[in-house]
């Protein structure tokens, strides 16, 4: 198994990552429950609510379905501008990373984990840092490549 990818993640890829992490956490579950509760409250109490209460209810729903994703995308856009193009080389012994002419090598034994999301793989080098590979970067055979990488990480 030898793969090499040169890429720079886009703002939308980072946005998808933030979105997946948020909605697979307790905070995301609370967001969903709160949004559904607010929609039910609006539906059931709209006729008896005052004008101010109607505005508050609509803003509360819009926060989670409109404002929060916009805020997350803006954060991703800012972070994407700071990213540098990098090269990842996956070999039998480990991963070679090159950014701006600086090269680092990480043995497979030192890789903490690999987490799959739809059309995305994150390779964690420690508890909070990692590398994102997406279908756009890997190409059409991304499922096979992701499976190969995950297999190496599990060893």
Protein backbone atom coordinates (compact mmCIF):
# COMPACT_ATOMS: atom_id res chain seq x y z
CA UNK A 1 0.00 0.00 0.00
CA UNK A 2 1.61 3.23 -1.17
CA UNK A 3 -0.39 6.41 -1.72
CA UNK A 4 0.63 10.01 -2.16
CA UNK A 5 -1.68 13.02 -2.03
CA UNK A 6 -0.85 16.71 -2.41
CA UNK A 7 -3.69 18.96 -1.38
CA UNK A 8 -5.10 21.82 0.64
CA UNK A 9 -8.46 21.36 2.35
CA UNK A 10 -11.25 23.75 1.37
CA UNK A 11 -13.49 25.79 3.64
CA UNK A 12 -16.45 23.59 2.79
CA UNK A 13 -14.52 20.43 3.77
CA UNK A 14 -13.65 22.00 7.12
CA UNK A 15 -17.28 23.08 7.53
CA UNK A 16 -18.45 19.50 6.95
CA UNK A 17 -15.93 18.30 9.53
CA UNK A 18 -17.12 20.85 12.12
CA UNK A 19 -20.72 19.95 11.36
CA UNK A 20 -20.10 16.19 11.73
CA UNK A 21 -18.25 16.67 15.00
CA UNK A 22 -20.93 18.96 16.41
CA UNK A 23 -23.89 16.78 15.50
CA UNK A 24 -22.22 13.57 16.65
CA UNK A 25 -21.69 15.05 20.12
CA UNK A 26 -23.98 15.73 23.06
CA UNK A 27 -24.20 19.40 22.05
CA UNK A 28 -25.53 18.39 18.64
CA UNK A 29 -28.18 16.16 20.18
CA UNK A 30 -29.25 19.03 22.43
CA UNK A 31 -29.39 21.31 19.36
CA UNK A 32 -31.67 18.88 17.55
CA UNK A 33 -33.95 18.40 20.56
CA UNK A 34 -34.14 22.15 21.19
CA UNK A 35 -34.93 22.89 17.52
CA UNK A 36 -37.67 20.27 17.36
CA UNK A 37 -39.11 21.53 20.67
CA UNK A 38 -39.12 25.10 19.38
CA UNK A 39 -40.87 24.07 16.15
CA UNK A 40 -43.51 22.17 18.14
CA UNK A 41 -43.94 25.16 20.45
CA UNK A 42 -44.33 27.53 17.50
CA UNK A 43 -46.87 25.22 15.87
CA UNK A 44 -48.93 24.71 19.01
CA UNK A 45 -48.81 28.24 20.51
CA UNK A 46 -48.56 30.53 17.50
CA UNK A 47 -52.19 31.73 17.73
CA UNK A 48 -51.96 32.65 21.43
CA UNK A 49 -48.40 34.08 21.39
CA UNK A 50 -47.77 37.81 21.51
CA UNK A 51 -45.75 39.53 18.80
CA UNK A 52 -42.59 39.63 20.92
CA UNK A 53 -42.88 35.93 21.82
CA UNK A 54 -43.35 35.03 18.15
CA UNK A 55 -40.16 36.89 17.25
CA UNK A 56 -38.23 35.17 20.05
CA UNK A 57 -39.48 31.73 18.98
CA UNK A 58 -38.59 32.28 15.33
CA UNK A 59 -35.13 33.63 16.21
CA UNK A 60 -34.54 30.63 18.51
CA UNK A 61 -35.31 28.21 15.67
CA UNK A 62 -33.30 30.22 13.14
CA UNK A 63 -30.26 30.19 15.42
CA UNK A 64 -29.78 26.44 15.02
CA UNK A 65 -30.94 26.01 11.44
CA UNK A 66 -29.48 29.17 9.89
CA UNK A 67 -27.22 31.29 12.10
CA UNK A 68 -25.15 28.48 13.62
CA UNK A 69 -24.23 26.91 10.24
CA UNK A 70 -23.32 30.36 8.88
CA UNK A 71 -21.08 30.99 11.90
CA UNK A 72 -19.49 27.55 11.47
CA UNK A 73 -18.85 28.15 7.76
CA UNK A 74 -17.25 31.54 8.45
CA UNK A 75 -14.96 29.90 11.02
CA UNK A 76 -14.06 27.22 8.47
CA UNK A 77 -13.37 29.87 5.82
CA UNK A 78 -10.98 31.72 8.12
CA UNK A 79 -9.23 28.48 9.11
CA UNK A 80 -8.97 27.33 5.48
CA UNK A 81 -7.11 30.53 4.56
CA UNK A 82 -4.45 29.66 7.16
CA UNK A 83 -3.90 26.13 5.85
CA UNK A 84 -0.86 25.36 3.76
CA UNK A 85 -0.67 22.87 0.92
CA UNK A 86 0.64 19.58 2.21
CA UNK A 87 1.81 16.26 0.89
CA UNK A 88 0.91 12.98 2.58
CA UNK A 89 2.71 9.81 1.58
CA UNK A 90 1.32 6.58 3.00
CA UNK A 91 3.73 3.67 2.99
CA UNK A 92 4.14 0.29 4.62
CA UNK A 93 5.97 1.68 7.65
CA UNK A 94 4.16 4.99 8.20
CA UNK A 95 3.18 8.40 6.89
CA UNK A 96 5.51 11.05 5.52
CA UNK A 97 4.17 14.60 5.76
CA UNK A 98 5.65 17.55 3.90
CA UNK A 99 4.55 21.15 4.42
CA UNK A 100 6.45 24.11 2.98
CA UNK A 101 9.57 22.01 2.40
CA UNK A 102 9.61 20.62 5.95
CA UNK A 103 9.28 16.85 6.12
CA UNK A 104 8.14 14.74 9.06
CA UNK A 105 7.67 11.01 9.37
CA UNK A 106 5.11 9.28 11.61
CA UNK A 107 5.22 5.54 12.20
CA UNK A 108 1.89 3.71 11.97
CA UNK A 109 2.28 2.69 15.63
CA UNK A 110 2.20 6.36 16.65
CA UNK A 111 -1.06 7.14 14.82
CA UNK A 112 -3.79 7.41 17.46
CA UNK A 113 -6.88 6.67 15.38
CA UNK A 114 -8.69 6.95 12.10
CA UNK A 115 -12.28 8.17 12.02
CA UNK A 116 -14.53 7.85 9.00
CA UNK A 117 -17.25 10.28 8.10
CA UNK A 118 -19.28 10.28 4.87
CA UNK A 119 -16.68 10.73 2.08
CA UNK A 120 -14.07 11.82 4.62
CA UNK A 121 -11.31 10.22 6.72
CA UNK A 122 -9.52 11.89 9.61
CA UNK A 123 -6.18 10.44 10.66
CA UNK A 124 -5.48 11.49 14.26
CA UNK A 125 -1.83 11.90 15.21
CA UNK A 126 -2.83 12.70 18.80
CA UNK A 127 -6.06 13.41 20.68
CA UNK A 128 -6.80 16.71 18.91
CA UNK A 129 -4.66 16.96 15.75
CA UNK A 130 -4.86 15.07 12.52
CA UNK A 131 -5.08 15.08 8.76
CA UNK A 132 -8.27 15.20 6.69
CA UNK A 133 -8.59 13.17 3.51
CA UNK A 134 -11.72 13.59 1.42
CA UNK A 135 -13.17 11.97 -1.67
CA UNK A 136 -12.12 15.04 -3.68
CA UNK A 137 -8.49 14.47 -2.70
CA UNK A 138 -8.37 10.68 -2.97
CA UNK A 139 -10.55 10.19 -6.04
CA UNK A 140 -13.19 7.67 -6.99
CA UNK A 141 -11.53 4.71 -5.26
CA UNK A 142 -11.65 6.54 -1.91
CA UNK A 143 -13.43 3.65 -0.15
CA UNK A 144 -10.57 1.24 -0.91
CA UNK A 145 -7.94 3.81 0.06
CA UNK A 146 -9.75 4.63 3.32
CA UNK A 147 -10.08 0.91 4.12
CA UNK A 148 -6.35 0.39 3.48
CA UNK A 149 -5.40 3.30 5.72
CA UNK A 150 -7.77 2.25 8.52
CA UNK A 151 -6.35 -1.29 8.33
CA UNK A 152 -2.81 0.10 8.79
CA UNK A 153 -3.88 2.20 11.75
CA UNK A 154 -5.52 -0.77 13.51
CA UNK A 155 -2.35 -2.90 13.37
